[in-house]
Protein backbone atom coordinates (compact mmCIF):
# COMPACT_ATOMS: atom_id res chain seq x y z
CA MET A 1 -10.39 14.08 26.40
CA ALA A 2 -11.16 10.34 26.27
CA GLU A 3 -8.53 7.86 27.50
CA PRO A 4 -6.35 6.28 24.70
CA ASP A 5 -7.37 2.57 23.94
CA VAL A 6 -3.99 1.14 24.06
CA PHE A 7 -5.15 -2.51 24.05
CA ARG A 8 -7.26 -1.84 20.76
CA ALA A 9 -4.18 -0.34 19.11
CA ILE A 10 -1.78 -3.24 19.99
CA ALA A 11 -4.30 -5.94 19.32
CA ASP A 12 -3.56 -5.76 15.72
CA PRO A 13 -0.37 -7.49 14.48
CA THR A 14 0.55 -4.70 12.00
CA ARG A 15 0.21 -2.38 14.73
CA ARG A 16 2.48 -4.30 16.80
CA ALA A 17 4.92 -4.40 13.80
CA ILE A 18 4.97 -0.84 13.38
CA LEU A 19 5.70 -0.07 17.05
CA ASP A 20 8.62 -2.80 16.87
CA ARG A 21 9.91 -0.89 13.69
CA LEU A 22 9.74 2.50 15.56
CA ARG A 23 11.84 1.33 18.48
CA ALA A 24 14.84 1.72 15.98
CA GLY A 25 13.98 5.56 15.89
CA PRO A 26 11.92 8.16 13.90
CA THR A 27 10.83 6.95 10.47
CA PRO A 28 9.33 8.80 7.41
CA VAL A 29 5.87 7.47 6.65
CA ASN A 30 6.97 6.36 3.15
CA GLU A 31 9.97 4.28 4.53
CA LEU A 32 7.82 2.99 7.26
CA ALA A 33 5.23 1.73 4.64
CA SER A 34 7.77 0.31 2.41
CA ASP A 35 8.29 -2.32 5.15
CA PHE A 36 5.00 -3.69 4.88
CA GLU A 37 3.11 -5.46 2.24
CA GLN A 38 0.01 -3.53 2.75
CA SER A 39 -0.76 -0.32 0.79
CA ARG A 40 0.22 3.01 2.05
CA PRO A 41 -3.10 4.02 2.95
CA ALA A 42 -3.63 0.81 4.92
CA ILE A 43 -0.39 1.86 7.06
CA SER A 44 -1.64 5.32 7.44
CA LYS A 45 -4.80 4.07 9.00
CA HIS A 46 -2.78 1.95 11.40
CA LEU A 47 -0.62 4.79 12.05
CA ARG A 48 -3.93 6.94 12.73
CA VAL A 49 -5.00 4.34 15.41
CA LEU A 50 -1.45 4.33 16.92
CA ARG A 51 -1.66 8.28 17.20
CA GLU A 52 -5.05 8.35 18.64
CA ALA A 53 -3.88 5.83 21.48
CA ARG A 54 -0.73 8.23 21.94
CA LEU A 55 1.64 5.29 21.29
CA VAL A 56 3.27 7.15 18.10
CA THR A 57 3.99 11.00 17.48
CA GLU A 58 3.99 12.54 14.23
CA GLU A 59 6.28 15.57 13.40
CA LYS A 60 6.09 17.12 9.85
CA VAL A 61 9.75 17.79 8.65
CA GLY A 62 9.77 19.69 5.45
CA ARG A 63 7.58 17.63 3.10
CA GLU A 64 7.93 14.43 5.03
CA ARG A 65 6.01 12.93 8.11
CA LEU A 66 8.18 11.42 10.89
CA TYR A 67 6.71 8.87 13.17
CA ALA A 68 8.22 8.08 16.28
CA LEU A 69 7.52 5.76 19.08
CA ASP A 70 6.07 7.08 22.47
CA PRO A 71 6.19 3.95 24.87
CA ARG A 72 4.64 5.81 27.87
CA PRO A 73 1.02 4.50 27.13
CA LEU A 74 2.25 1.03 27.18
CA ALA A 75 2.91 1.34 30.85
CA LYS A 76 -0.66 1.00 31.79
CA ALA A 77 -0.98 -1.96 29.77
CA ALA A 78 2.29 -3.58 31.20
CA GLY A 79 0.95 -3.15 34.67
CA TRP A 80 -2.38 -4.76 33.84
CA LEU A 81 -0.63 -7.62 32.28
CA GLU A 82 1.86 -7.89 35.31
CA GLY A 83 -1.17 -8.68 37.60
CA TYR A 84 -1.67 -11.84 35.65
CA ARG A 85 2.02 -13.11 36.07
CA GLY A 86 1.49 -14.77 39.38
CA PHE A 87 -1.75 -16.24 38.11
CA TRP A 88 0.08 -17.92 35.10
CA GLN A 89 3.05 -18.95 37.40
CA ARG A 90 0.71 -20.74 39.98
CA ASN A 91 -1.39 -22.48 37.33
CA LEU A 92 1.59 -23.62 35.29
CA SER A 93 3.32 -24.82 38.40
CA SER A 94 -0.07 -26.81 39.22
CA LEU A 95 0.10 -28.28 35.71
CA LYS A 96 3.69 -29.25 35.92
CA ARG A 97 3.08 -31.23 39.13
CA TYR A 98 -0.13 -32.56 37.80
CA LEU A 99 1.78 -34.15 34.68
CA GLU A 100 4.83 -35.16 36.94
CA ASP A 101 2.43 -37.03 39.16
CA SER A 102 0.33 -38.67 36.28
């Protein structure tokens, strides 16, 4: 099975907003869709991308589908980004020194 594309999934602002919304807990798809101006089919497409990246889980409860956040795949993305922390700190410190010396 191919590795999930977490970066593609979180690149879209609507998908990031969905993930933020799901931090509050599992949410039925209709309730989730009502939080956004996009159509329900558009939100369903976003949820499919998030499911494929394994960032959300889907559970059928009666006639509803509940979506829940699974943050584990974000750990790899966070680890990759962490590698740039030192880079940015060094460059921002250099910029600060340059500006103060100018």
